[in-house]
Amino acid sequence: MKRGTVVLAVLPFTDPTGLKRRPAVIVSPENRPEDDVVIAFLTSFKGDPLQPADLLIPADDPDFKRTGLKRPSVLRLGKLFTLQRGLLLGKLGELSPRLMQQVDVRLRIALGLR
């Protein structure tokens, strides 16, 4: 799967107490030599304040349908995980080039790159 693909993945909680199926976006390039990918997790948007590295994907976004998401979501680019490809359960959709440009901006913020 390529960069920008919205996937369903088995992700660990950040306090390693368990695992949960949840949507995520692949942010690593597809030509990685390893058998893993770097992903950022998605969460439902509940109106909470956003962090500088968060990307809101509202249901009225012109590219929302192609994401495969069911509800408005926040892509947490400050929460990156490296997973084996085998933990990816399937493709839900993909982010448009326009949304991927916003992903890149927020990745730079999350990683402190200017």
Foldseek 3Di string as FASTA:
>chain_A
DAFFFWFWFWAADPVRPGTDTFIWTFHDGPPDPDQKTKIWGKDADPPDDDDLLKDWDAPPPPCNVQNLDDGTIIGRLLDMDIDGPVRTPGTRGGDDPVVVVSNVVSNCVSVVHD
